[in-house]
């Protein structure tokens, strides 16, 4: 089925194993889809709705996020080494926060 095009086909409940390299999804509803042990290295996401999505045990090293909404998002138990927000190291932001917090406690 290499090179097959699906348009308007209902694949609800379909299962794919070890396939779809270089696949392209356009105007596709993958709501409530479960991705497990998936390699998306080098993938590009544009105009994607990930609201209420959950990422666990994910390698996001080298990730670039631009023009996104992170309102009400939460990051926990994460390695933030080298991570920057608007060019500022997150670890530096936390150090500054802790310093101000300590000064306020005195």
Foldseek 3Di string as FASTA:
>chain_A
DPPDDDDPDDCPPPDDDPDDVVHDDDPDDCPPPDDDPDDCPPPDDDPDDCPPPDDDPDDCPPPDDPPDDQPPHDDPPDDQVPPDDPRHRVVVVVVVVVVVVVVVVD
